[in-house]
Amino acid sequence: LGGQADLPLFEEALGRRELGPERFLLAGTFGHPGLMEEVLHAMESGGPAVAAAAANSFRKLTGLDVNTAHRVAVLSTQDLEEAEASTEEVHIPDAVAARNHWGRLKGALSGVPRLCMGTDALKGWTQEWLLGLPLDARWEHALRAHFETGQGGGVFALERFPQLPG
């Protein structure tokens, strides 16, 4: 949720390193192309965990997967506090490819108020497009529609399985 006026709050949150790599989930969920420079910078110089989180946001914003096959083990921020630290592997993104892709898309997409998978999420979407979204993006889209327009069954309907038509 959030509108154009909230962009500075999201920019500030992305700059707060103490929030960990998960802060980049905000960029993909908020969907404003004004956050792209922070996302690209994080892929270029944020370390493996931050770069991977930023790449996930890049994919959610543009629809383009820039992950390489190269994986690296990282400690999650939660694991740093535990006695027995376990690692997870993350893909290392191709930051140069991401910047090049954005350079080609920027002219068409930089004025869009909310991006989702390379499309203006506020207009022009079809049911087919919506069904092709990743489940988290579909959930966010439905939640946002309910919040902004009052349509749909609300949060509890989104949690119901199986989903009921309507």
C-alpha atoms as a PDB file:
ATOM      1  CA  LEU A   1       0.000   0.000   0.000  1.00  0.00           C
ATOM      2  CA  GLY A   2       1.041   3.609  -0.148  1.00  0.00           C
ATOM      3  CA  GLY A   3       0.924   6.297  -2.759  1.00  0.00           C
ATOM      4  CA  GLN A   4       3.247   8.643  -4.611  1.00  0.00           C
ATOM      5  CA  ALA A   5       3.528  10.863  -1.519  1.00  0.00           C
ATOM      6  CA  ASP A   6       5.045   7.928   0.406  1.00  0.00           C
ATOM      7  CA  LEU A   7       8.026   7.541  -1.940  1.00  0.00           C
ATOM      8  CA  PRO A   8      10.446   9.407   0.409  1.00  0.00           C
ATOM      9  CA  LEU A   9       9.539   7.022   3.252  1.00  0.00           C
ATOM     10  CA  PHE A  10      10.357   4.021   1.087  1.00  0.00           C
ATOM     11  CA  GLU A  11      13.623   5.606  -0.074  1.00  0.00           C
ATOM     12  CA  GLU A  12      14.589   6.172   3.549  1.00  0.00           C
ATOM     13  CA  ALA A  13      13.724   2.579   4.492  1.00  0.00           C
ATOM     14  CA  LEU A  14      15.857   1.185   1.662  1.00  0.00           C
ATOM     15  CA  GLY A  15      18.806   3.203   2.944  1.00  0.00           C
ATOM     16  CA  ARG A  16      18.562   1.828   6.477  1.00  0.00           C
ATOM     17  CA  ARG A  17      21.034  -1.036   6.514  1.00  0.00           C
ATOM     18  CA  GLU A  18      19.992  -2.108  10.008  1.00  0.00           C
ATOM     19  CA  LEU A  19      16.720  -3.347   8.478  1.00  0.00           C
ATOM     20  CA  GLY A  20      18.689  -6.045   6.659  1.00  0.00           C
ATOM     21  CA  PRO A  21      18.232  -7.408   3.135  1.00  0.00           C
ATOM     22  CA  GLU A  22      14.499  -7.885   3.698  1.00  0.00           C
ATOM     23  CA  ARG A  23      14.030  -4.123   3.328  1.00  0.00           C
ATOM     24  CA  PHE A  24      14.204  -4.599  -0.435  1.00  0.00           C
ATOM     25  CA  LEU A  25      10.900  -6.471  -0.314  1.00  0.00           C
ATOM     26  CA  LEU A  26       9.419  -2.999   0.167  1.00  0.00           C
ATOM     27  CA  ALA A  27      10.686  -1.825  -3.216  1.00  0.00           C
ATOM     28  CA  GLY A  28       9.073  -4.681  -5.105  1.00  0.00           C
ATOM     29  CA  THR A  29       5.835  -4.484  -3.164  1.00  0.00           C
ATOM     30  CA  PHE A  30       5.516  -0.686  -3.368  1.00  0.00           C
ATOM     31  CA  GLY A  31       6.320  -0.885  -7.073  1.00  0.00           C
ATOM     32  CA  HIS A  32       7.415   2.694  -7.698  1.00  0.00           C
ATOM     33  CA  PRO A  33      10.120   3.056 -10.383  1.00  0.00           C
ATOM     34  CA  GLY A  34      11.614   5.893  -8.329  1.00  0.00           C
ATOM     35  CA  LEU A  35      13.162   3.196  -6.122  1.00  0.00           C
ATOM     36  CA  MET A  36      14.986   1.533  -9.008  1.00  0.00           C
ATOM     37  CA  GLU A  37      18.275   3.360  -8.484  1.00  0.00           C
ATOM     38  CA  GLU A  38      18.490   2.075  -4.897  1.00  0.00           C
ATOM     39  CA  VAL A  39      17.656  -1.442  -6.116  1.00  0.00           C
ATOM     40  CA  LEU A  40      20.346  -1.316  -8.809  1.00  0.00           C
ATOM     41  CA  HIS A  41      22.926   0.123  -6.419  1.00  0.00           C
ATOM     42  CA  ALA A  42      22.212  -2.681  -3.931  1.00  0.00           C
ATOM     43  CA  MET A  43      22.763  -5.312  -6.640  1.00  0.00           C
ATOM     44  CA  GLU A  44      26.080  -3.683  -7.534  1.00  0.00           C
ATOM     45  CA  SER A  45      27.545  -3.149  -4.088  1.00  0.00           C
ATOM     46  CA  GLY A  46      25.314  -4.507  -1.351  1.00  0.00           C
ATOM     47  CA  GLY A  47      26.877  -7.870  -0.625  1.00  0.00           C
ATOM     48  CA  PRO A  48      25.395 -11.251  -1.595  1.00  0.00           C
ATOM     49  CA  ALA A  49      22.291 -11.278   0.629  1.00  0.00           C
ATOM     50  CA  VAL A  50      21.371  -7.671  -0.168  1.00  0.00           C
ATOM     51  CA  ALA A  51      22.091  -8.148  -3.883  1.00  0.00           C
ATOM     52  CA  ALA A  52      19.858 -11.226  -3.991  1.00  0.00           C
ATOM     53  CA  ALA A  53      17.010  -9.407  -2.218  1.00  0.00           C
ATOM     54  CA  ALA A  54      17.391  -6.438  -4.569  1.00  0.00           C
ATOM     55  CA  ALA A  55      17.332  -8.785  -7.579  1.00  0.00           C
ATOM     56  CA  ASN A  56      14.023 -10.211  -6.356  1.00  0.00           C
ATOM     57  CA  SER A  57      12.630  -6.675  -6.201  1.00  0.00           C
ATOM     58  CA  PHE A  58      14.012  -5.953  -9.672  1.00  0.00           C
ATOM     59  CA  ARG A  59      12.159  -9.002 -11.009  1.00  0.00           C
ATOM     60  CA  LYS A  60       8.939  -7.949  -9.308  1.00  0.00           C
ATOM     61  CA  LEU A  61       9.236  -4.432 -10.733  1.00  0.00           C
ATOM     62  CA  THR A  62      10.307  -5.313 -14.278  1.00  0.00           C
ATOM     63  CA  GLY A  63       9.396  -8.961 -14.783  1.00  0.00           C
ATOM     64  CA  LEU A  64      13.025  -9.699 -15.693  1.00  0.00           C
ATOM     65  CA  ASP A  65      15.100 -12.280 -13.839  1.00  0.00           C
ATOM     66  CA  VAL A  66      18.748 -11.170 -13.704  1.00  0.00           C
ATOM     67  CA  ASN A  67      19.992 -13.932 -11.408  1.00  0.00           C
ATOM     68  CA  THR A  68      23.016 -15.875 -12.546  1.00  0.00           C
ATOM     69  CA  ALA A  69      23.555 -19.580 -11.974  1.00  0.00           C
ATOM     70  CA  HIS A  70      26.272 -18.664  -9.444  1.00  0.00           C
ATOM     71  CA  ARG A  71      25.152 -19.241  -5.867  1.00  0.00           C
ATOM     72  CA  VAL A  72      26.864 -18.244  -2.657  1.00  0.00           C
ATOM     73  CA  ALA A  73      26.213 -19.175   0.962  1.00  0.00           C
ATOM     74  CA  VAL A  74      25.145 -16.369   3.298  1.00  0.00           C
ATOM     75  CA  LEU A  75      24.148 -16.110   6.928  1.00  0.00           C
ATOM     76  CA  SER A  76      20.742 -14.624   7.517  1.00  0.00           C
ATOM     77  CA  THR A  77      20.534 -11.734   9.985  1.00  0.00           C
ATOM     78  CA  GLN A  78      18.569 -13.975  12.347  1.00  0.00           C
ATOM     79  CA  ASP A  79      21.304 -16.611  12.241  1.00  0.00           C
ATOM     80  CA  LEU A  80      23.933 -14.112  13.350  1.00  0.00           C
ATOM     81  CA  GLU A  81      22.195 -13.894  16.724  1.00  0.00           C
ATOM     82  CA  GLU A  82      21.908 -17.647  17.234  1.00  0.00           C
ATOM     83  CA  ALA A  83      24.599 -19.909  18.615  1.00  0.00           C
ATOM     84  CA  GLU A  84      24.259 -22.391  15.766  1.00  0.00           C
ATOM     85  CA  ALA A  85      24.458 -20.391  12.578  1.00  0.00           C
ATOM     86  CA  SER A  86      23.172 -22.067   9.463  1.00  0.00           C
ATOM     87  CA  THR A  87      23.657 -20.804   5.958  1.00  0.00           C
ATOM     88  CA  GLU A  88      21.416 -20.464   2.968  1.00  0.00           C
ATOM     89  CA  GLU A  89      22.433 -20.103  -0.640  1.00  0.00           C
ATOM     90  CA  VAL A  90      21.386 -17.156  -2.763  1.00  0.00           C
ATOM     91  CA  HIS A  91      21.826 -16.468  -6.454  1.00  0.00           C
ATOM     92  CA  ILE A  92      24.195 -13.659  -7.357  1.00  0.00           C
ATOM     93  CA  PRO A  93      22.490 -11.276  -9.800  1.00  0.00           C
ATOM     94  CA  ASP A  94      24.061  -9.824 -12.906  1.00  0.00           C
ATOM     95  CA  ALA A  95      23.985  -6.163 -11.876  1.00  0.00           C
ATOM     96  CA  VAL A  96      25.337  -4.975 -15.232  1.00  0.00           C
ATOM     97  CA  ALA A  97      22.546  -6.776 -17.096  1.00  0.00           C
ATOM     98  CA  ALA A  98      19.991  -5.327 -14.671  1.00  0.00           C
ATOM     99  CA  ARG A  99      21.248  -1.783 -15.236  1.00  0.00           C
ATOM    100  CA  ASN A 100      21.261  -2.339 -19.017  1.00  0.00           C
ATOM    101  CA  HIS A 101      17.712  -3.732 -18.934  1.00  0.00           C
ATOM    102  CA  TRP A 102      16.512  -0.784 -16.871  1.00  0.00           C
ATOM    103  CA  GLY A 103      18.252   1.612 -19.260  1.00  0.00           C
ATOM    104  CA  ARG A 104      16.112   0.210 -22.081  1.00  0.00           C
ATOM    105  CA  LEU A 105      12.881   0.184 -20.039  1.00  0.00           C
ATOM    106  CA  LYS A 106      13.303   3.424 -18.125  1.00  0.00           C
ATOM    107  CA  GLY A 107      11.847   5.716 -20.784  1.00  0.00           C
ATOM    108  CA  ALA A 108       8.607   3.756 -20.962  1.00  0.00           C
ATOM    109  CA  LEU A 109       8.250   2.809 -17.293  1.00  0.00           C
ATOM    110  CA  SER A 110       9.743   5.612 -15.195  1.00  0.00           C
ATOM    111  CA  GLY A 111       6.483   7.602 -15.207  1.00  0.00           C
ATOM    112  CA  VAL A 112       4.325   4.667 -14.119  1.00  0.00           C
ATOM    113  CA  PRO A 113       3.115   5.118 -10.524  1.00  0.00           C
ATOM    114  CA  ARG A 114       3.155   1.403  -9.639  1.00  0.00           C
ATOM    115  CA  LEU A 115       4.999  -1.326 -11.513  1.00  0.00           C
ATOM    116  CA  CYS A 116       4.374  -5.033 -11.263  1.00  0.00           C
ATOM    117  CA  MET A 117       6.261  -7.403 -13.550  1.00  0.00           C
ATOM    118  CA  GLY A 118       6.950  -4.613 -16.047  1.00  0.00           C
ATOM    119  CA  THR A 119       3.342  -3.434 -16.308  1.00  0.00           C
ATOM    120  CA  ASP A 120       1.430  -0.489 -14.895  1.00  0.00           C
ATOM    121  CA  ALA A 121      -0.362  -2.233 -12.044  1.00  0.00           C
ATOM    122  CA  LEU A 122      -2.938   0.538 -11.698  1.00  0.00           C
ATOM    123  CA  LYS A 123      -4.401   0.345 -15.192  1.00  0.00           C
ATOM    124  CA  GLY A 124      -4.637  -1.847 -18.209  1.00  0.00           C
ATOM    125  CA  TRP A 125      -4.373  -5.165 -16.424  1.00  0.00           C
ATOM    126  CA  THR A 126      -6.397  -8.132 -17.541  1.00  0.00           C
ATOM    127  CA  GLN A 127      -7.547 -11.236 -15.741  1.00  0.00           C
ATOM    128  CA  GLU A 128      -5.015 -13.252 -17.772  1.00  0.00           C
ATOM    129  CA  TRP A 129      -2.199 -10.939 -16.663  1.00  0.00           C
ATOM    130  CA  LEU A 130      -3.314 -11.224 -13.059  1.00  0.00           C
ATOM    131  CA  LEU A 131      -3.383 -15.028 -13.222  1.00  0.00           C
ATOM    132  CA  GLY A 132       0.157 -15.013 -14.641  1.00  0.00           C
ATOM    133  CA  LEU A 133       1.575 -13.124 -11.667  1.00  0.00           C
ATOM    134  CA  PRO A 134       3.497 -14.863  -8.908  1.00  0.00           C
ATOM    135  CA  LEU A 135       1.203 -15.669  -5.990  1.00  0.00           C
ATOM    136  CA  ASP A 136       2.676 -13.014  -3.711  1.00  0.00           C
ATOM    137  CA  ALA A 137       2.077 -10.328  -6.351  1.00  0.00           C
ATOM    138  CA  ARG A 138      -1.492 -11.554  -6.901  1.00  0.00           C
ATOM    139  CA  TRP A 139      -2.132 -11.415  -3.169  1.00  0.00           C
ATOM    140  CA  GLU A 140      -0.714  -7.877  -2.942  1.00  0.00           C
ATOM    141  CA  HIS A 141      -2.765  -6.773  -5.953  1.00  0.00           C
ATOM    142  CA  ALA A 142      -5.978  -8.148  -4.424  1.00  0.00           C
ATOM    143  CA  LEU A 143      -5.212  -6.634  -1.032  1.00  0.00           C
ATOM    144  CA  ARG A 144      -4.474  -3.252  -2.601  1.00  0.00           C
ATOM    145  CA  ALA A 145      -7.691  -3.392  -4.667  1.00  0.00           C
ATOM    146  CA  HIS A 146      -9.709  -4.176  -1.557  1.00  0.00           C
ATOM    147  CA  PHE A 147      -8.038  -1.395   0.414  1.00  0.00           C
ATOM    148  CA  GLU A 148      -8.347   1.238  -2.308  1.00  0.00           C
ATOM    149  CA  THR A 149     -11.758   0.366  -3.769  1.00  0.00           C
ATOM    150  CA  GLY A 150     -13.472  -1.834  -1.203  1.00  0.00           C
ATOM    151  CA  GLN A 151     -13.948  -4.524  -3.855  1.00  0.00           C
ATOM    152  CA  GLY A 152     -13.361  -8.178  -3.201  1.00  0.00           C
ATOM    153  CA  GLY A 153     -13.739 -10.174  -0.044  1.00  0.00           C
ATOM    154  CA  GLY A 154     -10.978  -8.559   1.972  1.00  0.00           C
ATOM    155  CA  VAL A 155      -7.974 -10.039   3.682  1.00  0.00           C
ATOM    156  CA  PHE A 156      -9.751 -13.141   4.954  1.00  0.00           C
ATOM    157  CA  ALA A 157     -10.992 -14.030   1.482  1.00  0.00           C
ATOM    158  CA  LEU A 158      -7.410 -13.823   0.242  1.00  0.00           C
ATOM    159  CA  GLU A 159      -6.320 -16.336   2.873  1.00  0.00           C
ATOM    160  CA  ARG A 160      -9.078 -18.825   2.019  1.00  0.00           C
ATOM    161  CA  PHE A 161      -8.164 -21.955   0.114  1.00  0.00           C
ATOM    162  CA  PRO A 162      -9.454 -22.765  -2.362  1.00  0.00           C
ATOM    163  CA  GLN A 163     -10.174 -19.289  -3.657  1.00  0.00           C
ATOM    164  CA  LEU A 164     -13.840 -18.722  -4.335  1.00  0.00           C
ATOM    165  CA  PRO A 165     -14.946 -16.944  -7.504  1.00  0.00           C
ATOM    166  CA  GLY A 166     -16.325 -13.474  -7.169  1.00  0.00           C
END
